[in-house]
């Protein structure tokens, strides 16, 4: 249902996006009026549900020492060896939370921390073999869910539109947080 709502936003804000017909959207109903508050609440619910799903899958695999937020951090690291500042740029991590998460991930054996020679306080972080295996497992689980949601060309297109729309909204909110809303 969310993709239909976001389809409406995408259609209203972009000339190059065409509406994809949906069997679930009756033609005689008016398009809903979506506020940014409703959108933010929906995104929070989606995030909570995805986190709960990931937590249950991690528990099924015996991973109990870390949670979904840690998993998202591992996925943000990916195959790279990166600094903490680079990691902060990849996600919504506050410095103190990030340090705490990295400490837990290191103690649990999911990451390796390599101190730099020139400054032992600075470090590069990469996934350990254990971290790589967990990311591969959870990526496979997410891919199986994705295949259910994206079960045809119309649904794949809806997901692409949803992603582009959310990315544009995120950029708008980030810019507005720094410079204020347009027109002020």
N, C-alpha and C. Protein backbone atom coordinates (compact mmCIF):
# COMPACT_ATOMS: atom_id res chain seq x y z
N UNK A 1 0.81 -1.19 0.00
CA UNK A 1 0.00 0.00 0.00
C UNK A 1 0.86 1.26 0.00
N UNK A 2 1.97 1.21 0.72
CA UNK A 2 2.86 2.36 0.76
C UNK A 2 3.35 2.75 -0.62
N UNK A 3 3.75 1.80 -1.48
CA UNK A 3 4.21 2.21 -2.81
C UNK A 3 3.16 3.01 -3.58
N UNK A 4 1.86 2.70 -3.42
CA UNK A 4 0.84 3.48 -4.10
C UNK A 4 0.82 4.91 -3.58
N UNK A 5 0.94 5.09 -2.26
CA UNK A 5 0.98 6.43 -1.69
C UNK A 5 2.20 7.18 -2.19
N UNK A 6 3.35 6.51 -2.18
CA UNK A 6 4.58 7.16 -2.63
C UNK A 6 4.56 7.38 -4.13
N UNK A 7 3.85 6.53 -4.86
CA UNK A 7 3.68 6.73 -6.29
C UNK A 7 3.00 8.08 -6.52
N UNK A 8 2.00 8.39 -5.71
CA UNK A 8 1.28 9.66 -5.83
C UNK A 8 2.24 10.83 -5.59
N UNK A 9 3.10 10.72 -4.58
CA UNK A 9 4.08 11.77 -4.31
C UNK A 9 5.04 11.91 -5.48
N UNK A 10 5.53 10.78 -5.97
CA UNK A 10 6.48 10.81 -7.09
C UNK A 10 5.83 11.45 -8.32
N UNK A 11 4.59 11.10 -8.60
CA UNK A 11 3.91 11.68 -9.76
C UNK A 11 3.73 13.18 -9.60
N UNK A 12 3.46 13.61 -8.40
CA UNK A 12 3.21 15.03 -8.17
C UNK A 12 4.48 15.86 -8.20
N UNK A 13 5.64 15.21 -7.96
CA UNK A 13 6.87 15.99 -7.86
C UNK A 13 7.86 15.79 -8.99
N UNK A 14 7.56 14.88 -9.91
CA UNK A 14 8.52 14.61 -10.97
C UNK A 14 7.82 14.42 -12.30
N UNK A 15 8.28 15.13 -13.33
CA UNK A 15 7.66 15.01 -14.65
C UNK A 15 8.10 13.75 -15.38
N UNK A 16 9.27 13.19 -14.99
CA UNK A 16 9.77 12.04 -15.72
C UNK A 16 9.28 10.71 -15.16
N UNK A 17 8.48 10.73 -14.11
CA UNK A 17 7.98 9.51 -13.50
C UNK A 17 6.55 9.29 -13.97
N UNK A 18 6.28 8.10 -14.47
CA UNK A 18 4.94 7.75 -14.92
C UNK A 18 4.29 6.82 -13.91
N UNK A 19 2.99 6.98 -13.68
CA UNK A 19 2.30 6.12 -12.73
C UNK A 19 2.18 4.72 -13.30
N UNK A 20 2.46 3.75 -12.45
CA UNK A 20 2.34 2.35 -12.82
C UNK A 20 0.97 1.88 -12.37
N UNK A 21 0.16 1.33 -13.28
CA UNK A 21 -1.16 0.87 -12.88
C UNK A 21 -1.05 -0.20 -11.81
N UNK A 22 -1.96 -0.20 -10.87
CA UNK A 22 -1.96 -1.17 -9.80
C UNK A 22 -3.33 -1.80 -9.68
N UNK A 23 -3.35 -3.10 -9.53
CA UNK A 23 -4.63 -3.81 -9.38
C UNK A 23 -5.27 -3.50 -8.04
N UNK A 24 -4.49 -3.03 -7.06
CA UNK A 24 -5.03 -2.76 -5.74
C UNK A 24 -5.59 -1.36 -5.59
N UNK A 25 -5.41 -0.48 -6.55
CA UNK A 25 -5.84 0.91 -6.43
C UNK A 25 -7.09 1.13 -7.27
N UNK A 26 -8.26 1.17 -6.62
CA UNK A 26 -9.49 1.43 -7.38
C UNK A 26 -9.42 2.81 -8.05
N UNK A 27 -9.85 2.88 -9.29
CA UNK A 27 -9.75 4.11 -10.07
C UNK A 27 -10.66 5.21 -9.54
N UNK A 28 -11.75 4.87 -8.85
CA UNK A 28 -12.70 5.89 -8.43
C UNK A 28 -12.38 6.53 -7.09
N UNK A 29 -11.32 6.11 -6.39
CA UNK A 29 -10.96 6.71 -5.11
C UNK A 29 -10.00 7.87 -5.34
N UNK A 30 -10.21 8.99 -4.61
CA UNK A 30 -9.27 10.11 -4.74
C UNK A 30 -7.92 9.75 -4.11
N UNK A 31 -6.88 10.36 -4.61
CA UNK A 31 -5.54 10.13 -4.08
C UNK A 31 -5.48 10.67 -2.65
N UNK A 32 -4.84 9.96 -1.74
CA UNK A 32 -4.76 10.42 -0.36
C UNK A 32 -3.86 11.65 -0.25
N UNK A 33 -4.16 12.49 0.73
CA UNK A 33 -3.33 13.66 1.01
C UNK A 33 -2.32 13.23 2.07
N UNK A 34 -1.07 13.13 1.67
CA UNK A 34 -0.03 12.64 2.56
C UNK A 34 0.81 13.80 3.05
N UNK A 35 0.94 13.89 4.37
CA UNK A 35 1.81 14.91 4.95
C UNK A 35 3.17 14.29 5.23
N UNK A 36 4.14 15.15 5.45
CA UNK A 36 5.47 14.65 5.78
C UNK A 36 5.47 13.99 7.16
N UNK A 37 4.57 14.41 8.05
CA UNK A 37 4.46 13.76 9.35
C UNK A 37 3.98 12.32 9.19
N UNK A 38 2.96 12.12 8.35
CA UNK A 38 2.47 10.76 8.09
C UNK A 38 3.55 9.91 7.44
N UNK A 39 4.27 10.50 6.53
CA UNK A 39 5.36 9.78 5.87
C UNK A 39 6.43 9.38 6.88
N UNK A 40 6.81 10.30 7.75
CA UNK A 40 7.84 10.00 8.76
C UNK A 40 7.36 8.89 9.71
N UNK A 41 6.10 8.93 10.12
CA UNK A 41 5.56 7.88 10.99
C UNK A 41 5.58 6.52 10.28
N UNK A 42 5.21 6.52 9.01
CA UNK A 42 5.23 5.27 8.24
C UNK A 42 6.65 4.73 8.12
N UNK A 43 7.59 5.61 7.85
CA UNK A 43 8.98 5.17 7.74
C UNK A 43 9.49 4.60 9.06
N UNK A 44 9.10 5.21 10.18
CA UNK A 44 9.50 4.68 11.49
C UNK A 44 8.92 3.29 11.72
N UNK A 45 7.64 3.12 11.35
CA UNK A 45 7.01 1.79 11.50
C UNK A 45 7.69 0.76 10.62
N UNK A 46 7.98 1.12 9.38
CA UNK A 46 8.65 0.20 8.46
C UNK A 46 10.01 -0.18 9.04
N UNK A 47 10.75 0.79 9.55
CA UNK A 47 12.05 0.53 10.13
C UNK A 47 11.94 -0.39 11.34
N UNK A 48 10.96 -0.14 12.22
CA UNK A 48 10.77 -1.01 13.39
C UNK A 48 10.43 -2.43 12.98
N UNK A 49 9.56 -2.57 12.00
CA UNK A 49 9.16 -3.92 11.56
C UNK A 49 10.31 -4.65 10.89
N UNK A 50 11.10 -3.92 10.10
CA UNK A 50 12.27 -4.54 9.49
C UNK A 50 13.27 -4.97 10.57
N UNK A 51 13.47 -4.11 11.56
CA UNK A 51 14.38 -4.45 12.67
C UNK A 51 13.89 -5.68 13.42
N UNK A 52 12.58 -5.75 13.68
CA UNK A 52 12.03 -6.92 14.38
C UNK A 52 12.22 -8.18 13.55
N UNK A 53 12.02 -8.07 12.25
CA UNK A 53 12.22 -9.20 11.35
C UNK A 53 13.67 -9.65 11.37
N UNK A 54 14.61 -8.69 11.26
CA UNK A 54 16.02 -9.04 11.28
C UNK A 54 16.41 -9.65 12.62
N UNK A 55 15.87 -9.12 13.72
CA UNK A 55 16.17 -9.67 15.04
C UNK A 55 15.71 -11.11 15.14
N UNK A 56 14.51 -11.40 14.65
CA UNK A 56 14.01 -12.78 14.72
C UNK A 56 14.88 -13.71 13.87
N UNK A 57 15.31 -13.25 12.71
CA UNK A 57 16.17 -14.07 11.86
C UNK A 57 17.54 -14.27 12.50
N UNK A 58 18.07 -13.24 13.14
CA UNK A 58 19.35 -13.38 13.82
C UNK A 58 19.23 -14.36 14.99
N UNK A 59 18.14 -14.26 15.73
CA UNK A 59 17.92 -15.18 16.85
C UNK A 59 17.82 -16.61 16.36
N UNK A 60 17.13 -16.84 15.25
CA UNK A 60 17.04 -18.18 14.67
C UNK A 60 18.42 -18.76 14.34
N UNK A 61 19.36 -17.88 14.06
CA UNK A 61 20.71 -18.32 13.71
C UNK A 61 21.65 -18.32 14.92
N UNK A 62 21.09 -18.06 16.10
CA UNK A 62 21.89 -18.09 17.33
C UNK A 62 22.67 -16.83 17.61
N UNK A 63 22.38 -15.75 16.88
CA UNK A 63 23.08 -14.48 17.10
C UNK A 63 22.27 -13.68 18.11
N UNK A 64 22.77 -13.64 19.34
CA UNK A 64 22.03 -12.94 20.40
C UNK A 64 22.85 -11.84 21.06
N UNK A 65 24.12 -11.75 20.75
CA UNK A 65 24.97 -10.76 21.40
C UNK A 65 24.89 -9.37 20.75
N UNK A 66 24.30 -9.31 19.58
CA UNK A 66 24.12 -8.02 18.90
C UNK A 66 22.69 -7.94 18.37
N UNK A 67 22.29 -6.72 18.02
CA UNK A 67 20.93 -6.51 17.52
C UNK A 67 20.92 -5.98 16.09
N UNK A 68 19.72 -5.65 15.61
CA UNK A 68 19.58 -5.16 14.23
C UNK A 68 20.36 -3.89 13.93
N UNK A 69 20.48 -3.00 14.91
CA UNK A 69 21.26 -1.77 14.67
C UNK A 69 22.72 -2.11 14.41
N UNK A 70 23.24 -3.11 15.12
CA UNK A 70 24.60 -3.57 14.89
C UNK A 70 24.74 -4.17 13.49
N UNK A 71 23.73 -4.95 13.12
CA UNK A 71 23.73 -5.56 11.79
C UNK A 71 23.78 -4.49 10.70
N UNK A 72 22.97 -3.45 10.84
CA UNK A 72 22.96 -2.38 9.84
C UNK A 72 24.33 -1.70 9.76
N UNK A 73 24.99 -1.60 10.90
CA UNK A 73 26.34 -1.04 10.93
C UNK A 73 27.32 -1.94 10.18
N UNK A 74 27.21 -3.25 10.40
CA UNK A 74 28.06 -4.20 9.68
C UNK A 74 27.83 -4.10 8.17
N UNK A 75 26.56 -3.99 7.79
CA UNK A 75 26.24 -3.86 6.36
C UNK A 75 26.77 -2.55 5.78
N UNK A 76 26.80 -1.50 6.60
CA UNK A 76 27.35 -0.21 6.14
C UNK A 76 28.86 -0.32 5.91
N UNK A 77 29.53 -1.13 6.71
CA UNK A 77 30.97 -1.34 6.51
C UNK A 77 31.19 -2.12 5.22
N UNK A 78 30.42 -3.17 5.05
CA UNK A 78 30.51 -3.97 3.82
C UNK A 78 31.87 -4.59 3.63
N UNK A 79 32.35 -4.57 2.40
CA UNK A 79 33.63 -5.18 2.06
C UNK A 79 34.80 -4.21 2.23
N UNK A 80 34.52 -3.02 2.71
CA UNK A 80 35.55 -1.98 2.81
C UNK A 80 36.30 -2.05 4.13
N UNK A 81 37.43 -1.41 4.15
CA UNK A 81 38.16 -1.13 5.38
C UNK A 81 38.11 0.39 5.51
N UNK A 82 37.38 0.87 6.51
CA UNK A 82 37.09 2.30 6.57
C UNK A 82 37.37 2.87 7.96
N UNK A 83 37.44 4.20 8.01
CA UNK A 83 37.62 4.89 9.28
C UNK A 83 36.26 5.14 9.93
N UNK A 84 36.27 5.51 11.17
CA UNK A 84 35.03 5.81 11.89
C UNK A 84 34.33 7.00 11.25
N UNK A 85 35.08 8.00 10.85
CA UNK A 85 34.45 9.18 10.22
C UNK A 85 33.79 8.80 8.90
N UNK A 86 34.40 7.92 8.12
CA UNK A 86 33.77 7.46 6.88
C UNK A 86 32.49 6.69 7.18
N UNK A 87 32.51 5.92 8.25
CA UNK A 87 31.34 5.16 8.65
C UNK A 87 30.20 6.08 9.09
N UNK A 88 30.54 7.16 9.77
CA UNK A 88 29.53 8.13 10.19
C UNK A 88 28.84 8.76 8.99
N UNK A 89 29.57 8.94 7.90
CA UNK A 89 28.98 9.51 6.69
C UNK A 89 28.03 8.55 6.00
N UNK A 90 28.17 7.26 6.25
CA UNK A 90 27.34 6.25 5.59
C UNK A 90 26.01 5.99 6.28
N UNK A 91 25.83 6.52 7.46
CA UNK A 91 24.58 6.23 8.14
C UNK A 91 24.26 7.25 9.21
N UNK A 92 23.13 7.05 9.88
CA UNK A 92 22.67 8.01 10.87
C UNK A 92 23.26 7.75 12.25
N UNK A 93 24.58 7.69 12.34
CA UNK A 93 25.23 7.30 13.58
C UNK A 93 25.74 8.51 14.32
N UNK A 94 25.39 8.60 15.60
CA UNK A 94 25.97 9.61 16.47
C UNK A 94 27.31 9.06 16.97
N UNK A 95 28.24 9.93 17.24
CA UNK A 95 29.58 9.51 17.62
C UNK A 95 29.63 8.58 18.82
N UNK A 96 28.90 8.91 19.89
CA UNK A 96 28.95 8.07 21.09
C UNK A 96 28.29 6.72 20.84
N UNK A 97 27.15 6.70 20.15
CA UNK A 97 26.50 5.43 19.84
C UNK A 97 27.39 4.58 18.95
N UNK A 98 28.01 5.20 17.97
CA UNK A 98 28.86 4.47 17.05
C UNK A 98 30.04 3.85 17.78
N UNK A 99 30.66 4.59 18.66
CA UNK A 99 31.79 4.06 19.42
C UNK A 99 31.36 2.86 20.26
N UNK A 100 30.21 2.98 20.89
CA UNK A 100 29.69 1.89 21.73
C UNK A 100 29.39 0.65 20.88
N UNK A 101 28.72 0.86 19.74
CA UNK A 101 28.40 -0.26 18.84
C UNK A 101 29.67 -0.94 18.34
N UNK A 102 30.65 -0.13 17.94
CA UNK A 102 31.90 -0.70 17.43
C UNK A 102 32.63 -1.50 18.50
N UNK A 103 32.58 -1.00 19.74
CA UNK A 103 33.19 -1.74 20.85
C UNK A 103 32.51 -3.09 21.02
N UNK A 104 31.17 -3.11 20.99
CA UNK A 104 30.43 -4.35 21.14
C UNK A 104 30.71 -5.31 19.97
N UNK A 105 30.74 -4.77 18.77
CA UNK A 105 31.01 -5.61 17.59
C UNK A 105 32.42 -6.20 17.65
N UNK A 106 33.38 -5.41 18.13
CA UNK A 106 34.74 -5.90 18.26
C UNK A 106 34.84 -6.99 19.31
N UNK A 107 34.21 -6.76 20.46
CA UNK A 107 34.24 -7.75 21.54
C UNK A 107 33.54 -9.05 21.14
N UNK A 108 32.54 -8.95 20.27
CA UNK A 108 31.80 -10.13 19.82
C UNK A 108 32.46 -10.81 18.63
N UNK A 109 33.50 -10.20 18.09
CA UNK A 109 34.24 -10.81 17.00
C UNK A 109 33.69 -10.57 15.60
N UNK A 110 32.85 -9.54 15.43
CA UNK A 110 32.27 -9.26 14.12
C UNK A 110 33.10 -8.29 13.28
N UNK A 111 33.95 -7.51 13.95
CA UNK A 111 34.81 -6.57 13.22
C UNK A 111 36.25 -6.70 13.71
N UNK A 112 37.14 -6.21 12.88
CA UNK A 112 38.56 -6.10 13.25
C UNK A 112 38.93 -4.63 13.19
N UNK A 113 39.65 -4.19 14.19
CA UNK A 113 40.10 -2.80 14.28
C UNK A 113 41.60 -2.78 14.11
N UNK A 114 42.07 -2.05 13.11
CA UNK A 114 43.50 -1.95 12.84
C UNK A 114 43.95 -0.52 13.09
N UNK A 115 44.73 -0.33 14.14
CA UNK A 115 45.23 1.00 14.49
C UNK A 115 46.19 1.49 13.41
N UNK A 116 46.13 2.78 13.14
CA UNK A 116 47.04 3.38 12.16
C UNK A 116 48.42 3.57 12.78
N UNK A 117 49.45 3.43 11.99
CA UNK A 117 50.82 3.55 12.48
C UNK A 117 51.12 4.98 12.94
N UNK A 118 50.66 5.96 12.19
CA UNK A 118 51.01 7.35 12.50
C UNK A 118 50.25 7.89 13.70
N UNK A 119 49.07 7.34 13.99
CA UNK A 119 48.29 7.78 15.14
C UNK A 119 47.52 6.57 15.68
N UNK A 120 48.03 5.99 16.75
CA UNK A 120 47.46 4.76 17.29
C UNK A 120 46.02 4.94 17.78
N UNK A 121 45.59 6.20 17.99
CA UNK A 121 44.19 6.44 18.42
C UNK A 121 43.23 6.26 17.25
N UNK A 122 43.69 6.50 16.05
CA UNK A 122 42.85 6.35 14.85
C UNK A 122 42.94 4.91 14.36
N UNK A 123 41.87 4.45 13.72
CA UNK A 123 41.86 3.06 13.28
C UNK A 123 41.04 2.91 12.01
N UNK A 124 41.31 1.83 11.33
CA UNK A 124 40.51 1.40 10.19
C UNK A 124 39.73 0.18 10.67
N UNK A 125 38.50 0.06 10.21
CA UNK A 125 37.62 -1.01 10.66
C UNK A 125 37.21 -1.83 9.45
N UNK A 126 37.18 -3.14 9.63
CA UNK A 126 36.70 -4.04 8.58
C UNK A 126 35.98 -5.21 9.24
N UNK A 127 35.18 -5.89 8.45
CA UNK A 127 34.46 -7.05 8.95
C UNK A 127 35.42 -8.22 9.15
N UNK A 128 35.20 -8.95 10.23
CA UNK A 128 35.92 -10.20 10.41
C UNK A 128 35.20 -11.26 9.58
N UNK A 129 35.74 -12.47 9.57
CA UNK A 129 35.08 -13.56 8.85
C UNK A 129 33.68 -13.80 9.44
N UNK A 130 33.56 -13.72 10.75
CA UNK A 130 32.27 -13.90 11.41
C UNK A 130 31.28 -12.82 10.97
N UNK A 131 31.75 -11.59 10.86
CA UNK A 131 30.90 -10.49 10.40
C UNK A 131 30.49 -10.65 8.95
N UNK A 132 31.41 -11.11 8.12
CA UNK A 132 31.11 -11.35 6.70
C UNK A 132 30.05 -12.43 6.54
N UNK A 133 30.17 -13.50 7.35
CA UNK A 133 29.19 -14.59 7.28
C UNK A 133 27.80 -14.12 7.70
N UNK A 134 27.73 -13.35 8.78
CA UNK A 134 26.43 -12.84 9.23
C UNK A 134 25.81 -11.93 8.17
N UNK A 135 26.61 -11.04 7.59
CA UNK A 135 26.09 -10.15 6.55
C UNK A 135 25.60 -10.95 5.34
N UNK A 136 26.33 -11.96 4.95
CA UNK A 136 25.92 -12.79 3.81
C UNK A 136 24.60 -13.50 4.13
N UNK A 137 24.47 -14.05 5.35
CA UNK A 137 23.23 -14.72 5.74
C UNK A 137 22.05 -13.77 5.73
N UNK A 138 22.22 -12.60 6.33
CA UNK A 138 21.10 -11.65 6.44
C UNK A 138 20.78 -11.02 5.09
N UNK A 139 21.77 -10.87 4.24
CA UNK A 139 21.52 -10.37 2.89
C UNK A 139 20.69 -11.37 2.10
N UNK A 140 20.97 -12.65 2.29
CA UNK A 140 20.18 -13.70 1.62
C UNK A 140 18.74 -13.71 2.13
N UNK A 141 18.56 -13.53 3.43
CA UNK A 141 17.20 -13.46 4.01
C UNK A 141 16.45 -12.27 3.43
N UNK A 142 17.10 -11.12 3.40
CA UNK A 142 16.46 -9.92 2.86
C UNK A 142 16.14 -10.09 1.38
N UNK A 143 17.01 -10.77 0.64
CA UNK A 143 16.77 -11.00 -0.79
C UNK A 143 15.55 -11.88 -1.00
N UNK A 144 15.35 -12.87 -0.13
CA UNK A 144 14.17 -13.72 -0.29
C UNK A 144 12.89 -12.92 -0.03
N UNK A 145 12.93 -11.99 0.91
CA UNK A 145 11.77 -11.12 1.14
C UNK A 145 11.57 -10.16 -0.02
N UNK A 146 12.67 -9.68 -0.55
CA UNK A 146 12.60 -8.76 -1.68
C UNK A 146 11.93 -9.44 -2.88
N UNK A 147 12.23 -10.71 -3.08
CA UNK A 147 11.63 -11.40 -4.22
C UNK A 147 10.12 -11.55 -4.06
N UNK A 148 9.64 -11.56 -2.83
CA UNK A 148 8.19 -11.61 -2.60
C UNK A 148 7.57 -10.25 -2.93
N UNK A 149 8.20 -9.19 -2.49
CA UNK A 149 7.67 -7.83 -2.73
C UNK A 149 7.81 -7.43 -4.19
N UNK A 150 8.95 -7.77 -4.79
CA UNK A 150 9.22 -7.39 -6.18
C UNK A 150 8.96 -8.58 -7.09
N UNK A 151 7.72 -9.03 -7.11
CA UNK A 151 7.39 -10.25 -7.83
C UNK A 151 6.98 -10.03 -9.28
N UNK A 152 7.15 -8.85 -9.77
CA UNK A 152 6.82 -8.58 -11.17
C UNK A 152 7.32 -7.22 -11.58
N UNK A 153 7.26 -6.90 -12.86
CA UNK A 153 7.81 -5.63 -13.34
C UNK A 153 7.13 -4.41 -12.74
N UNK A 154 5.81 -4.47 -12.51
CA UNK A 154 5.13 -3.32 -11.92
C UNK A 154 5.60 -3.07 -10.49
N UNK A 155 5.76 -4.13 -9.72
CA UNK A 155 6.21 -3.98 -8.34
C UNK A 155 7.67 -3.56 -8.27
N UNK A 156 8.48 -4.04 -9.19
CA UNK A 156 9.89 -3.61 -9.24
C UNK A 156 9.94 -2.11 -9.55
N UNK A 157 9.15 -1.69 -10.50
CA UNK A 157 9.09 -0.25 -10.85
C UNK A 157 8.61 0.57 -9.66
N UNK A 158 7.60 0.08 -8.94
CA UNK A 158 7.10 0.78 -7.74
C UNK A 158 8.20 0.92 -6.69
N UNK A 159 9.00 -0.13 -6.50
CA UNK A 159 10.10 -0.05 -5.55
C UNK A 159 11.15 0.97 -6.00
N UNK A 160 11.44 1.00 -7.28
CA UNK A 160 12.40 1.98 -7.79
C UNK A 160 11.89 3.40 -7.58
N UNK A 161 10.62 3.61 -7.85
CA UNK A 161 10.02 4.94 -7.65
C UNK A 161 10.03 5.29 -6.18
N UNK A 162 9.70 4.33 -5.33
CA UNK A 162 9.71 4.56 -3.89
C UNK A 162 11.09 4.97 -3.42
N UNK A 163 12.09 4.24 -3.87
CA UNK A 163 13.45 4.55 -3.46
C UNK A 163 13.86 5.96 -3.91
N UNK A 164 13.63 6.26 -5.18
CA UNK A 164 14.00 7.60 -5.69
C UNK A 164 13.25 8.69 -4.95
N UNK A 165 11.99 8.47 -4.66
CA UNK A 165 11.19 9.46 -3.95
C UNK A 165 11.71 9.66 -2.54
N UNK A 166 11.96 8.57 -1.83
CA UNK A 166 12.48 8.68 -0.47
C UNK A 166 13.86 9.33 -0.45
N UNK A 167 14.69 9.01 -1.42
CA UNK A 167 16.00 9.63 -1.50
C UNK A 167 15.87 11.14 -1.71
N UNK A 168 14.96 11.54 -2.59
CA UNK A 168 14.74 12.98 -2.83
C UNK A 168 14.19 13.67 -1.58
N UNK A 169 13.28 13.02 -0.87
CA UNK A 169 12.74 13.59 0.37
C UNK A 169 13.83 13.72 1.42
N UNK A 170 14.67 12.69 1.53
CA UNK A 170 15.76 12.73 2.51
C UNK A 170 16.72 13.88 2.20
N UNK A 171 17.04 14.09 0.93
CA UNK A 171 17.91 15.19 0.55
C UNK A 171 17.26 16.54 0.85
N UNK A 172 15.96 16.63 0.61
CA UNK A 172 15.22 17.86 0.89
C UNK A 172 15.23 18.16 2.38
N UNK A 173 14.95 17.14 3.20
CA UNK A 173 14.94 17.35 4.65
C UNK A 173 16.33 17.70 5.16
N UNK A 174 17.36 17.07 4.62
CA UNK A 174 18.73 17.39 5.05
C UNK A 174 19.08 18.83 4.70
N UNK A 175 18.72 19.25 3.52
CA UNK A 175 18.99 20.62 3.10
C UNK A 175 18.19 21.62 3.94
N UNK A 176 16.92 21.30 4.20
CA UNK A 176 16.08 22.19 5.00
C UNK A 176 16.59 22.30 6.43
N UNK A 177 17.18 21.23 6.96
CA UNK A 177 17.72 21.26 8.31
C UNK A 177 18.90 22.22 8.41
N UNK A 178 19.65 22.34 7.33
CA UNK A 178 20.82 23.22 7.31
C UNK A 178 20.45 24.64 6.91
N UNK A 179 19.68 24.77 5.84
CA UNK A 179 19.43 26.08 5.25
C UNK A 179 18.03 26.62 5.50
N UNK A 180 17.17 25.82 6.11
CA UNK A 180 15.79 26.22 6.30
C UNK A 180 14.96 25.84 5.09
N UNK A 181 13.64 25.85 5.25
CA UNK A 181 12.78 25.48 4.11
C UNK A 181 12.91 26.50 2.99
N UNK A 182 12.68 26.03 1.78
CA UNK A 182 12.71 26.92 0.62
C UNK A 182 11.71 28.06 0.78
N UNK A 183 12.09 29.21 0.32
CA UNK A 183 11.18 30.35 0.33
C UNK A 183 11.26 31.20 1.58
N UNK A 184 12.10 30.81 2.52
CA UNK A 184 12.21 31.64 3.74
C UNK A 184 13.39 32.54 3.66
